[in-house]
Amino acid sequence: MIETVEQENLQKGFRGLKAWQESYQLALEVYKATEAFPMQERFSLTLQIRKAALSVSSNIAEGYERRSRKEFAKGLMRSVCA
């Protein structure tokens, strides 16, 4: 049973991770929310908020693709500490 779940997760890659899915959804919501920001904030505050939200799912994906638990943990820590 456990082997089957692990095999399914490997086939899905990082997109199969709940943490990645939720962080990706958060990034989409942040992008939608920041569309309503004033135009004068478009290239400062908006950009910073969007980059921060996107970096979480990016760091999870990058760490997962390294295929090392140590590197994956580093990617997760970068997401938490960013």
Protein backbone atom coordinates (compact mmCIF):
# COMPACT_ATOMS: atom_id res chain seq x y z
CA MET A 1 0.00 0.00 0.00
CA ILE A 2 2.71 2.51 0.98
CA GLU A 3 4.78 1.58 -2.06
CA THR A 4 1.78 2.24 -4.31
CA VAL A 5 1.27 5.71 -2.84
CA GLU A 6 4.97 6.52 -3.23
CA GLN A 7 4.92 5.30 -6.84
CA GLU A 8 1.89 7.46 -7.60
CA ASN A 9 3.58 10.50 -6.04
CA LEU A 10 6.71 9.89 -8.14
CA GLN A 11 4.60 9.73 -11.28
CA LYS A 12 2.86 12.99 -10.42
CA GLY A 13 6.13 14.65 -9.45
CA PHE A 14 6.07 17.76 -7.31
CA ARG A 15 2.56 18.56 -8.57
CA GLY A 16 1.34 15.60 -6.52
CA LEU A 17 2.51 17.19 -3.27
CA LYS A 18 -0.24 18.81 -1.22
CA ALA A 19 2.15 21.55 -0.10
CA TRP A 20 2.90 22.46 -3.73
CA GLN A 21 -0.78 22.38 -4.71
CA GLU A 22 -1.77 24.69 -1.88
CA SER A 23 1.11 27.09 -2.44
CA TYR A 24 0.27 27.23 -6.15
CA GLN A 25 -3.36 28.02 -5.34
CA LEU A 26 -2.17 30.73 -2.97
CA ALA A 27 -0.06 32.25 -5.75
CA LEU A 28 -3.06 32.28 -8.09
CA GLU A 29 -5.18 33.99 -5.44
CA VAL A 30 -2.45 36.56 -4.77
CA TYR A 31 -2.22 37.36 -8.49
CA LYS A 32 -5.99 37.87 -8.65
CA ALA A 33 -6.03 40.00 -5.50
CA THR A 34 -3.18 42.24 -6.65
CA GLU A 35 -4.92 43.00 -9.96
CA ALA A 36 -7.05 45.45 -8.00
CA PHE A 37 -4.03 47.36 -6.69
CA PRO A 38 -3.51 50.90 -8.01
CA MET A 39 -1.43 51.27 -11.19
CA GLN A 40 1.27 53.23 -9.33
CA GLU A 41 1.90 50.10 -7.22
CA ARG A 42 2.06 47.78 -10.22
CA PHE A 43 5.86 47.65 -10.38
CA SER A 44 6.74 47.91 -6.72
CA LEU A 45 4.46 46.48 -4.05
CA THR A 46 2.48 44.30 -6.46
CA LEU A 47 5.60 42.82 -7.99
CA GLN A 48 7.14 42.03 -4.59
CA ILE A 49 3.99 40.36 -3.29
CA ARG A 50 3.59 38.27 -6.45
CA LYS A 51 7.23 37.16 -6.44
CA ALA A 52 7.01 36.14 -2.78
CA ALA A 53 3.85 34.10 -3.35
CA LEU A 54 5.27 32.37 -6.42
CA SER A 55 8.58 31.59 -4.75
CA VAL A 56 6.94 29.17 -2.31
CA SER A 57 5.71 26.74 -4.96
CA SER A 58 8.89 27.28 -7.00
CA ASN A 59 11.14 26.36 -4.07
CA ILE A 60 9.09 23.24 -3.34
CA ALA A 61 9.31 22.16 -6.98
CA GLU A 62 13.03 22.89 -7.19
CA GLY A 63 13.81 20.95 -4.02
CA TYR A 64 11.68 18.00 -5.15
CA GLU A 65 13.41 17.79 -8.51
CA ARG A 66 16.82 17.48 -6.88
CA ARG A 67 15.76 14.01 -5.68
CA SER A 68 17.65 14.34 -2.42
CA ARG A 69 15.83 14.57 0.88
CA LYS A 70 18.43 17.03 2.14
CA GLU A 71 18.02 19.33 -0.88
CA PHE A 72 14.24 18.96 -0.73
CA ALA A 73 14.29 20.00 2.93
CA LYS A 74 16.41 23.03 2.01
CA GLY A 75 13.83 24.01 -0.60
CA LEU A 76 11.05 23.74 1.95
CA MET A 77 13.02 25.80 4.45
CA ARG A 78 13.61 28.51 1.84
CA SER A 79 9.83 28.62 1.33
CA VAL A 80 9.14 28.97 5.03
CA CYS A 81 11.86 31.51 5.69
CA ALA A 82 11.33 33.62 2.56
